[in-house]
Each structure stands twice: as C-alpha cells, then as structure tokens.
Protein backbone atom coordinates (compact mmCIF):
# COMPACT_ATOMS: atom_id res chain seq x y z
CA MET A 1 136.39 147.85 35.39
CA ARG A 2 134.77 150.99 36.77
CA ILE A 3 133.34 153.64 34.48
CA PRO A 4 132.59 157.03 36.10
CA VAL A 5 129.31 158.54 34.88
CA SER A 6 128.03 162.09 35.13
CA ASP A 7 124.36 161.26 35.66
CA SER A 8 122.74 158.39 37.51
CA ILE A 9 121.33 155.65 35.30
CA ALA A 10 118.53 153.25 36.15
CA THR A 11 119.47 149.57 35.88
CA LYS A 12 116.45 148.81 33.69
CA GLU A 13 117.35 151.72 31.38
CA LEU A 14 120.87 150.32 30.98
CA LEU A 15 119.42 146.85 30.36
CA GLY A 16 117.33 148.23 27.48
CA THR A 17 120.36 150.00 26.01
CA LEU A 18 122.49 146.85 26.17
CA LYS A 19 119.73 144.67 24.68
CA ARG A 20 119.35 147.06 21.73
CA LYS A 21 123.10 147.37 21.14
CA TYR A 22 123.98 143.68 21.51
CA ALA A 23 120.76 141.95 20.43
CA ASN A 24 122.54 139.76 17.87
CA ARG A 25 125.69 139.05 19.90
CA TYR A 26 124.91 138.61 23.60
CA SER A 27 121.94 137.86 25.80
CA CYS A 28 121.24 140.30 28.62
CA ARG A 29 119.06 139.78 31.66
CA TYR A 30 118.17 141.64 34.83
CA SER A 31 119.26 139.94 38.06
CA GLU A 32 118.35 140.62 41.66
CA PHE A 33 120.61 137.81 42.91
CA GLY A 34 123.03 139.29 45.43
CA LEU A 35 123.09 142.57 47.32
CA GLU A 36 122.27 144.87 44.42
CA PRO A 37 120.35 144.55 41.18
CA SER A 38 122.61 143.99 38.21
CA ILE A 39 122.66 142.96 34.58
CA ILE A 40 124.18 139.68 33.44
CA ILE A 41 125.49 139.73 29.88
CA ARG A 42 126.06 136.25 28.44
CA LYS A 43 128.44 135.69 25.56
CA SER A 44 128.57 131.89 25.88
CA THR A 45 128.01 129.12 28.41
CA TRP A 46 131.28 129.95 30.20
CA VAL A 47 131.75 133.65 29.42
CA GLY A 48 129.71 136.50 30.82
CA ALA A 49 129.88 139.88 32.51
CA GLN A 50 128.01 141.47 35.38
CA THR A 51 127.18 145.16 35.24
CA THR A 52 126.17 146.91 38.45
CA ILE A 53 125.26 150.57 38.74
CA ARG A 54 126.60 152.33 41.78
CA GLU A 55 126.48 155.99 42.69
CA LYS A 56 128.12 157.84 39.81
CA GLU A 57 129.73 154.75 38.27
CA ILE A 58 129.07 151.59 36.32
CA GLU A 59 130.97 148.56 37.58
CA LEU A 60 131.75 145.86 35.04
CA ASP A 61 133.15 142.47 36.08
CA PHE A 62 133.53 139.23 34.21
CA THR A 63 131.56 136.31 35.60
CA PHE A 64 130.11 132.94 34.79
CA PRO A 65 126.67 133.66 33.27
CA THR A 66 124.72 130.91 35.09
CA ILE A 67 124.71 129.39 38.54
CA ALA A 68 125.63 125.97 37.11
CA THR A 69 128.73 127.25 35.29
CA SER A 70 129.66 129.32 38.34
CA LEU A 71 129.61 126.21 40.53
CA ALA A 72 131.55 124.16 37.98
CA GLY A 73 134.12 126.93 37.52
CA THR A 74 134.55 127.37 41.27
CA VAL A 75 135.06 123.63 41.77
CA ALA A 76 137.58 123.55 38.91
CA PHE A 77 139.49 126.50 40.35
CA TYR A 78 139.68 125.18 43.90
CA SER A 79 140.51 121.64 42.83
CA GLY A 80 143.59 122.90 41.02
CA ILE A 81 142.43 122.45 37.45
CA ALA A 82 144.10 125.07 35.28
CA ALA A 83 141.85 127.74 33.85
CA ILE A 84 141.28 127.43 30.13
CA PRO A 85 143.15 130.32 28.45
CA SER A 86 140.48 130.73 25.76
CA VAL A 87 137.83 131.33 28.46
CA ILE A 88 140.02 133.90 30.20
CA ASN A 89 140.80 135.62 26.90
CA SER A 90 137.07 135.67 26.06
CA TRP A 91 136.29 137.25 29.45
CA PHE A 92 138.80 140.03 28.83
CA ALA A 93 137.57 140.57 25.26
CA LEU A 94 133.95 140.82 26.46
CA GLU A 95 134.89 143.24 29.24
CA LYS A 96 136.86 145.37 26.76
CA ASP A 97 133.99 145.42 24.24
CA LEU A 98 131.37 146.36 26.85
CA GLY A 99 133.71 148.81 28.57
CA ARG A 100 134.37 150.70 25.34
CA PHE A 101 130.66 150.96 24.56
CA LEU A 102 129.66 152.02 28.08
CA THR A 103 132.48 154.57 28.26
CA ARG A 104 131.45 156.18 24.97
CA LYS A 105 127.78 156.20 25.94
CA TYR A 106 127.83 157.16 29.62
CA ALA A 107 131.28 158.31 30.83
CA GLN A 108 131.88 161.75 32.25
CA GLN A 109 133.07 164.14 29.57
C-alpha cells in the first residue's frame, strides 16, 4: 500500500507516532536492514508490516517481523506448504489498520 503525503516525514518521527498510537497493540522498531531505513511493526510472531518513507509517500507492506520467521516462511512457501489463511488474513487486517491511521494522519488533503 502506498500513501501519498504532502510533507516529508522523518522515519524516527513516524516511529514515535506509531509507538504512541499502538503502544498496547503492536511493537514497533527502527530497522536499517536493507537499502533504506524502515519501521517494522510486529503484531505477532508471524504477522508484521514494514513501513518505509520515500519521497512524498509512505510505503506499507506486510512482512514477517523477524529474520527467523522470514526464513521459516520462505522455506514453507518454496517447499510447497500452503500458506495458513489466518496468517494471510492477519497480514491484510494489519495493513488495513495501519493504512487507515497513516492516511488520516499524513495523506495529502
């Protein structure tokens, strides 16, 4: 999901906003793993989202929240094990929840 924003936002500023909003529901951490800094939002062991700020947009993708679950999920996918529908539904629900909040807070008006 991509959310167009009118003003640029610092990743650490967004991290603080997400931590305040979701303190009792999700854990949020700053990550410099990969090409760009991002925020990993963890709902559970298997369900998470990655938020990356690009020029004039916030990109939101579902992801495995840890390297261990990412490896296990990748192995399961490529070995032909069917994805668990509850995990997929949780990914979409998390993305929808975060997307709604970020759109209300930061989207171009």
